[in-house]
């Protein structure tokens, strides 16, 4: 029988050994989103409601295409981490593992499709 104090049990990274890394990733992606979303709204808002040819010409320029691609990438990373934390908090057992795998696959698929669309327009 081990006689450990509460502090001794709590030292380190926690039972999962990844809580600090997960929290740091969420904070970094939140700061990135705080910068990118206003830029995306600024670039997207100017072209909203324009004809197809103007939209293609607008996103063929580097700045709007890069802002849109970074917004998609950072947004999906933030969404993936947030959904994973929510699933870990509220689900248990095999359903938790399946839900985490499906949500990660969905996030990567959405990011891939979005980045492919931006690349297709920009190039």
N, C-alpha and C. Protein backbone atom coordinates (compact mmCIF):
# COMPACT_ATOMS: atom_id res chain seq x y z
N UNK A 1 0.85 -1.18 0.00
CA UNK A 1 0.00 0.00 0.00
C UNK A 1 0.89 1.24 0.00
N UNK A 2 0.64 2.12 -0.91
CA UNK A 2 1.47 3.32 -1.05
C UNK A 2 0.85 4.46 -0.26
N UNK A 3 1.69 5.17 0.45
CA UNK A 3 1.24 6.32 1.22
C UNK A 3 1.69 7.59 0.49
N UNK A 4 0.88 8.01 -0.47
CA UNK A 4 1.20 9.20 -1.25
C UNK A 4 0.30 10.35 -0.81
N UNK A 5 0.88 11.51 -0.77
CA UNK A 5 0.07 12.69 -0.48
C UNK A 5 -0.69 13.10 -1.73
N UNK A 6 -1.70 13.94 -1.54
CA UNK A 6 -2.48 14.41 -2.69
C UNK A 6 -1.61 15.15 -3.69
N UNK A 7 -0.66 15.92 -3.18
CA UNK A 7 0.22 16.67 -4.07
C UNK A 7 1.08 15.72 -4.89
N UNK A 8 1.58 14.67 -4.27
CA UNK A 8 2.44 13.73 -4.97
C UNK A 8 1.66 13.01 -6.08
N UNK A 9 0.40 12.71 -5.84
CA UNK A 9 -0.42 12.07 -6.86
C UNK A 9 -0.75 13.01 -8.01
N UNK A 10 -0.82 14.30 -7.74
CA UNK A 10 -1.22 15.29 -8.74
C UNK A 10 -0.06 15.83 -9.57
N UNK A 11 1.17 15.57 -9.17
CA UNK A 11 2.31 16.09 -9.92
C UNK A 11 2.42 15.42 -11.28
N UNK A 12 3.04 16.12 -12.21
CA UNK A 12 3.22 15.56 -13.54
C UNK A 12 2.17 16.10 -14.50
N UNK A 13 1.91 15.34 -15.52
CA UNK A 13 0.98 15.77 -16.56
C UNK A 13 -0.44 15.25 -16.36
N UNK A 14 -0.71 14.54 -15.30
CA UNK A 14 -2.03 14.00 -15.09
C UNK A 14 -2.08 12.54 -15.52
N UNK A 15 -3.24 11.93 -15.38
CA UNK A 15 -3.35 10.50 -15.64
C UNK A 15 -3.22 10.16 -17.12
N UNK A 16 -3.66 11.04 -18.00
CA UNK A 16 -3.59 10.76 -19.43
C UNK A 16 -2.24 11.18 -20.02
N UNK A 17 -1.47 11.96 -19.31
CA UNK A 17 -0.15 12.44 -19.73
C UNK A 17 -0.18 13.35 -20.96
N UNK A 18 -1.35 13.91 -21.29
CA UNK A 18 -1.42 14.78 -22.47
C UNK A 18 -2.30 16.00 -22.25
N UNK A 19 -2.73 16.25 -21.05
CA UNK A 19 -3.64 17.36 -20.80
C UNK A 19 -3.03 18.72 -21.07
N UNK A 20 -1.77 18.90 -20.71
CA UNK A 20 -1.11 20.18 -20.94
C UNK A 20 -0.94 20.44 -22.43
N UNK A 21 -0.53 19.43 -23.16
CA UNK A 21 -0.35 19.57 -24.60
C UNK A 21 -1.68 19.89 -25.29
N UNK A 22 -2.74 19.22 -24.88
CA UNK A 22 -4.06 19.46 -25.47
C UNK A 22 -4.52 20.88 -25.18
N UNK A 23 -4.35 21.33 -23.95
CA UNK A 23 -4.76 22.68 -23.57
C UNK A 23 -3.94 23.72 -24.34
N UNK A 24 -2.65 23.50 -24.46
CA UNK A 24 -1.79 24.44 -25.20
C UNK A 24 -2.21 24.50 -26.67
N UNK A 25 -2.51 23.37 -27.25
CA UNK A 25 -2.96 23.33 -28.65
C UNK A 25 -4.26 24.11 -28.83
N UNK A 26 -5.16 23.97 -27.89
CA UNK A 26 -6.42 24.72 -27.96
C UNK A 26 -6.18 26.23 -27.84
N UNK A 27 -5.28 26.63 -26.98
CA UNK A 27 -5.00 28.06 -26.81
C UNK A 27 -4.34 28.65 -28.05
N UNK A 28 -3.41 27.93 -28.64
CA UNK A 28 -2.73 28.41 -29.84
C UNK A 28 -3.71 28.53 -30.99
N UNK A 29 -4.56 27.51 -31.18
CA UNK A 29 -5.52 27.58 -32.27
C UNK A 29 -6.59 28.65 -32.02
N UNK A 30 -6.91 28.92 -30.76
CA UNK A 30 -7.87 29.98 -30.45
C UNK A 30 -7.29 31.35 -30.80
N UNK A 31 -6.02 31.57 -30.51
CA UNK A 31 -5.38 32.84 -30.86
C UNK A 31 -5.30 32.97 -32.38
N UNK A 32 -4.95 31.88 -33.06
CA UNK A 32 -4.90 31.91 -34.52
C UNK A 32 -6.27 32.24 -35.10
N UNK A 33 -7.32 31.65 -34.53
CA UNK A 33 -8.67 31.93 -35.03
C UNK A 33 -9.09 33.37 -34.73
N UNK A 34 -8.66 33.90 -33.61
CA UNK A 34 -8.99 35.29 -33.28
C UNK A 34 -8.38 36.27 -34.28
N UNK A 35 -7.26 35.90 -34.86
CA UNK A 35 -6.63 36.75 -35.88
C UNK A 35 -7.20 36.46 -37.26
N UNK A 36 -7.38 35.17 -37.57
CA UNK A 36 -7.77 34.78 -38.93
C UNK A 36 -9.23 35.05 -39.26
N UNK A 37 -10.14 34.88 -38.31
CA UNK A 37 -11.57 35.06 -38.62
C UNK A 37 -11.87 36.50 -39.04
N UNK A 38 -11.39 37.54 -38.36
CA UNK A 38 -11.65 38.89 -38.88
C UNK A 38 -11.04 39.12 -40.26
N UNK A 39 -9.83 38.58 -40.50
CA UNK A 39 -9.23 38.71 -41.83
C UNK A 39 -10.07 38.00 -42.88
N UNK A 40 -10.57 36.80 -42.53
CA UNK A 40 -11.41 36.06 -43.47
C UNK A 40 -12.71 36.81 -43.75
N UNK A 41 -13.32 37.35 -42.71
CA UNK A 41 -14.56 38.11 -42.89
C UNK A 41 -14.31 39.33 -43.77
N UNK A 42 -13.17 39.98 -43.56
CA UNK A 42 -12.82 41.15 -44.36
C UNK A 42 -12.63 40.78 -45.83
N UNK A 43 -11.91 39.69 -46.09
CA UNK A 43 -11.66 39.30 -47.48
C UNK A 43 -12.88 38.67 -48.12
N UNK A 44 -13.63 37.88 -47.38
CA UNK A 44 -14.82 37.22 -47.92
C UNK A 44 -15.98 38.19 -48.07
N UNK A 45 -16.10 39.12 -47.14
CA UNK A 45 -17.21 40.08 -47.17
C UNK A 45 -17.18 40.99 -48.37
N UNK A 46 -15.98 41.30 -48.84
CA UNK A 46 -15.85 42.19 -49.99
C UNK A 46 -16.36 41.53 -51.27
N UNK A 47 -16.32 40.20 -51.35
CA UNK A 47 -16.67 39.49 -52.57
C UNK A 47 -18.03 38.80 -52.46
N UNK A 48 -18.65 38.88 -51.31
CA UNK A 48 -19.94 38.22 -51.08
C UNK A 48 -21.01 38.78 -52.01
N UNK A 49 -21.68 37.93 -52.73
CA UNK A 49 -22.74 38.33 -53.64
C UNK A 49 -22.25 38.71 -55.03
N UNK A 50 -20.96 38.60 -55.26
CA UNK A 50 -20.40 38.94 -56.57
C UNK A 50 -20.62 37.78 -57.54
N UNK A 51 -20.55 38.06 -58.82
CA UNK A 51 -20.67 36.98 -59.81
C UNK A 51 -19.53 35.97 -59.70
N UNK A 52 -19.73 34.81 -60.24
CA UNK A 52 -18.79 33.69 -60.16
C UNK A 52 -17.40 34.09 -60.64
N UNK A 53 -17.31 34.76 -61.76
CA UNK A 53 -16.02 35.12 -62.34
C UNK A 53 -15.23 36.04 -61.42
N UNK A 54 -15.92 36.98 -60.77
CA UNK A 54 -15.23 37.88 -59.83
C UNK A 54 -14.72 37.14 -58.60
N UNK A 55 -15.50 36.19 -58.12
CA UNK A 55 -15.08 35.40 -56.95
C UNK A 55 -13.85 34.58 -57.30
N UNK A 56 -13.86 33.95 -58.46
CA UNK A 56 -12.70 33.16 -58.88
C UNK A 56 -11.47 34.06 -59.04
N UNK A 57 -11.65 35.23 -59.62
CA UNK A 57 -10.53 36.17 -59.79
C UNK A 57 -10.02 36.65 -58.43
N UNK A 58 -10.95 36.89 -57.49
CA UNK A 58 -10.57 37.36 -56.15
C UNK A 58 -9.74 36.30 -55.43
N UNK A 59 -10.20 35.05 -55.43
CA UNK A 59 -9.49 33.99 -54.72
C UNK A 59 -8.31 33.44 -55.51
N UNK A 60 -8.08 33.92 -56.71
CA UNK A 60 -6.88 33.57 -57.46
C UNK A 60 -5.68 34.38 -56.98
N UNK A 61 -5.96 35.47 -56.27
CA UNK A 61 -4.88 36.28 -55.69
C UNK A 61 -4.37 35.59 -54.43
N UNK A 62 -3.11 35.79 -54.10
CA UNK A 62 -2.51 35.05 -52.97
C UNK A 62 -3.11 35.36 -51.60
N UNK A 63 -3.29 36.63 -51.26
CA UNK A 63 -3.71 36.96 -49.90
C UNK A 63 -5.06 36.36 -49.51
N UNK A 64 -6.13 36.54 -50.31
CA UNK A 64 -7.40 35.93 -49.91
C UNK A 64 -7.35 34.41 -49.87
N UNK A 65 -6.62 33.80 -50.79
CA UNK A 65 -6.52 32.34 -50.81
C UNK A 65 -5.77 31.83 -49.58
N UNK A 66 -4.69 32.49 -49.20
CA UNK A 66 -3.91 32.07 -48.03
C UNK A 66 -4.72 32.26 -46.75
N UNK A 67 -5.42 33.38 -46.64
CA UNK A 67 -6.25 33.63 -45.46
C UNK A 67 -7.34 32.57 -45.35
N UNK A 68 -8.00 32.25 -46.46
CA UNK A 68 -9.05 31.23 -46.43
C UNK A 68 -8.48 29.87 -46.07
N UNK A 69 -7.35 29.50 -46.64
CA UNK A 69 -6.74 28.20 -46.34
C UNK A 69 -6.30 28.10 -44.88
N UNK A 70 -5.69 29.16 -44.36
CA UNK A 70 -5.28 29.14 -42.96
C UNK A 70 -6.48 29.10 -42.02
N UNK A 71 -7.54 29.80 -42.38
CA UNK A 71 -8.75 29.78 -41.56
C UNK A 71 -9.36 28.38 -41.53
N UNK A 72 -9.40 27.72 -42.67
CA UNK A 72 -9.92 26.35 -42.72
C UNK A 72 -9.06 25.42 -41.88
N UNK A 73 -7.74 25.50 -42.05
CA UNK A 73 -6.84 24.60 -41.33
C UNK A 73 -6.89 24.83 -39.81
N UNK A 74 -6.81 26.08 -39.39
CA UNK A 74 -6.84 26.37 -37.95
C UNK A 74 -8.22 26.07 -37.36
N UNK A 75 -9.26 26.37 -38.11
CA UNK A 75 -10.61 26.11 -37.62
C UNK A 75 -10.89 24.63 -37.43
N UNK A 76 -10.44 23.82 -38.37
CA UNK A 76 -10.66 22.37 -38.24
C UNK A 76 -9.80 21.77 -37.13
N UNK A 77 -8.58 22.29 -36.94
CA UNK A 77 -7.75 21.81 -35.85
C UNK A 77 -8.40 22.15 -34.50
N UNK A 78 -8.90 23.38 -34.38
CA UNK A 78 -9.56 23.81 -33.14
C UNK A 78 -10.83 23.00 -32.91
N UNK A 79 -11.60 22.77 -33.97
CA UNK A 79 -12.83 22.00 -33.86
C UNK A 79 -12.53 20.56 -33.44
N UNK A 80 -11.50 19.96 -34.04
CA UNK A 80 -11.11 18.58 -33.71
C UNK A 80 -10.76 18.45 -32.23
N UNK A 81 -9.96 19.38 -31.73
CA UNK A 81 -9.56 19.32 -30.32
C UNK A 81 -10.73 19.56 -29.38
N UNK A 82 -11.60 20.49 -29.74
CA UNK A 82 -12.76 20.76 -28.91
C UNK A 82 -13.75 19.62 -28.86
N UNK A 83 -14.02 19.02 -30.01
CA UNK A 83 -14.94 17.87 -30.05
C UNK A 83 -14.35 16.69 -29.31
N UNK A 84 -13.06 16.48 -29.47
CA UNK A 84 -12.41 15.37 -28.77
C UNK A 84 -12.51 15.54 -27.25
N UNK A 85 -12.29 16.75 -26.76
CA UNK A 85 -12.40 17.00 -25.33
C UNK A 85 -13.83 16.79 -24.84
N UNK A 86 -14.80 17.22 -25.63
CA UNK A 86 -16.20 17.04 -25.26
C UNK A 86 -16.58 15.56 -25.22
N UNK A 87 -16.14 14.81 -26.23
CA UNK A 87 -16.43 13.37 -26.25
C UNK A 87 -15.77 12.68 -25.07
N UNK A 88 -14.53 13.03 -24.77
CA UNK A 88 -13.84 12.41 -23.63
C UNK A 88 -14.54 12.70 -22.32
N UNK A 89 -15.17 13.87 -22.20
CA UNK A 89 -15.85 14.22 -20.97
C UNK A 89 -17.20 13.52 -20.80
N UNK A 90 -17.90 13.27 -21.90
CA UNK A 90 -19.28 12.82 -21.78
C UNK A 90 -19.57 11.42 -22.30
N UNK A 91 -18.62 10.72 -22.87
CA UNK A 91 -18.85 9.36 -23.36
C UNK A 91 -17.89 8.41 -22.69
N UNK A 92 -18.22 7.11 -22.75
CA UNK A 92 -17.40 6.11 -22.09
C UNK A 92 -17.28 4.87 -22.98
N UNK A 93 -16.25 4.09 -22.72
CA UNK A 93 -16.08 2.79 -23.35
C UNK A 93 -15.75 2.85 -24.84
N UNK A 94 -16.25 1.85 -25.54
CA UNK A 94 -15.99 1.72 -26.97
C UNK A 94 -16.64 2.84 -27.76
N UNK A 95 -17.79 3.29 -27.33
CA UNK A 95 -18.48 4.38 -28.03
C UNK A 95 -17.61 5.64 -28.03
N UNK A 96 -16.88 5.87 -26.96
CA UNK A 96 -15.98 7.02 -26.89
C UNK A 96 -14.89 6.90 -27.95
N UNK A 97 -14.27 5.74 -28.05
CA UNK A 97 -13.19 5.55 -29.02
C UNK A 97 -13.69 5.70 -30.45
N UNK A 98 -14.84 5.11 -30.73
CA UNK A 98 -15.42 5.20 -32.07
C UNK A 98 -15.78 6.65 -32.40
N UNK A 99 -16.38 7.35 -31.46
CA UNK A 99 -16.77 8.74 -31.70
C UNK A 99 -15.56 9.63 -31.92
N UNK A 100 -14.49 9.41 -31.17
CA UNK A 100 -13.27 10.19 -31.35
C UNK A 100 -12.66 9.92 -32.72
N UNK A 101 -12.59 8.66 -33.11
CA UNK A 101 -12.03 8.32 -34.43
C UNK A 101 -12.87 8.93 -35.54
N UNK A 102 -14.19 8.83 -35.44
CA UNK A 102 -15.06 9.40 -36.48
C UNK A 102 -14.96 10.92 -36.54
N UNK A 103 -14.89 11.56 -35.38
CA UNK A 103 -14.81 13.03 -35.39
C UNK A 103 -13.47 13.50 -35.96
N UNK A 104 -12.39 12.81 -35.65
CA UNK A 104 -11.09 13.18 -36.20
C UNK A 104 -11.08 12.96 -37.71
N UNK A 105 -11.62 11.84 -38.17
CA UNK A 105 -11.70 11.58 -39.61
C UNK A 105 -12.55 12.64 -40.31
N UNK A 106 -13.67 13.02 -39.70
CA UNK A 106 -14.53 14.05 -40.28
C UNK A 106 -13.79 15.38 -40.39
N UNK A 107 -13.09 15.76 -39.34
CA UNK A 107 -12.34 17.03 -39.36
C UNK A 107 -11.26 17.04 -40.42
N UNK A 108 -10.51 15.95 -40.54
CA UNK A 108 -9.47 15.89 -41.57
C UNK A 108 -10.08 15.88 -42.96
N UNK A 109 -11.21 15.20 -43.12
CA UNK A 109 -11.87 15.18 -44.43
C UNK A 109 -12.37 16.57 -44.82
N UNK A 110 -13.00 17.27 -43.87
CA UNK A 110 -13.47 18.63 -44.15
C UNK A 110 -12.32 19.58 -44.45
N UNK A 111 -11.23 19.46 -43.71
CA UNK A 111 -10.06 20.30 -43.97
C UNK A 111 -9.47 19.99 -45.33
N UNK A 112 -9.39 18.72 -45.68
CA UNK A 112 -8.85 18.33 -46.97
C UNK A 112 -9.69 18.83 -48.13
N UNK A 113 -11.00 18.69 -48.01
CA UNK A 113 -11.89 19.17 -49.06
C UNK A 113 -11.81 20.69 -49.19
N UNK A 114 -11.80 21.38 -48.07
CA UNK A 114 -11.72 22.84 -48.10
C UNK A 114 -10.41 23.34 -48.70
N UNK A 115 -9.30 22.72 -48.30
CA UNK A 115 -8.01 23.13 -48.82
C UNK A 115 -7.87 22.77 -50.30
N UNK A 116 -8.44 21.63 -50.69
CA UNK A 116 -8.42 21.28 -52.11
C UNK A 116 -9.21 22.28 -52.93
N UNK A 117 -10.36 22.70 -52.43
CA UNK A 117 -11.18 23.69 -53.15
C UNK A 117 -10.45 25.01 -53.29
N UNK A 118 -9.81 25.46 -52.21
CA UNK A 118 -9.06 26.73 -52.28
C UNK A 118 -7.89 26.59 -53.26
N UNK A 119 -7.18 25.47 -53.19
CA UNK A 119 -6.04 25.25 -54.10
C UNK A 119 -6.51 25.20 -55.54
N UNK A 120 -7.65 24.56 -55.76
CA UNK A 120 -8.20 24.45 -57.12
C UNK A 120 -8.55 25.82 -57.68
N UNK A 121 -9.10 26.68 -56.85
CA UNK A 121 -9.46 28.02 -57.28
C UNK A 121 -8.21 28.87 -57.48
N UNK A 122 -7.28 28.78 -56.54
CA UNK A 122 -6.11 29.67 -56.55
C UNK A 122 -5.11 29.31 -57.64
N UNK A 123 -5.06 28.06 -58.03
CA UNK A 123 -4.03 27.64 -59.00
C UNK A 123 -4.58 27.52 -60.36
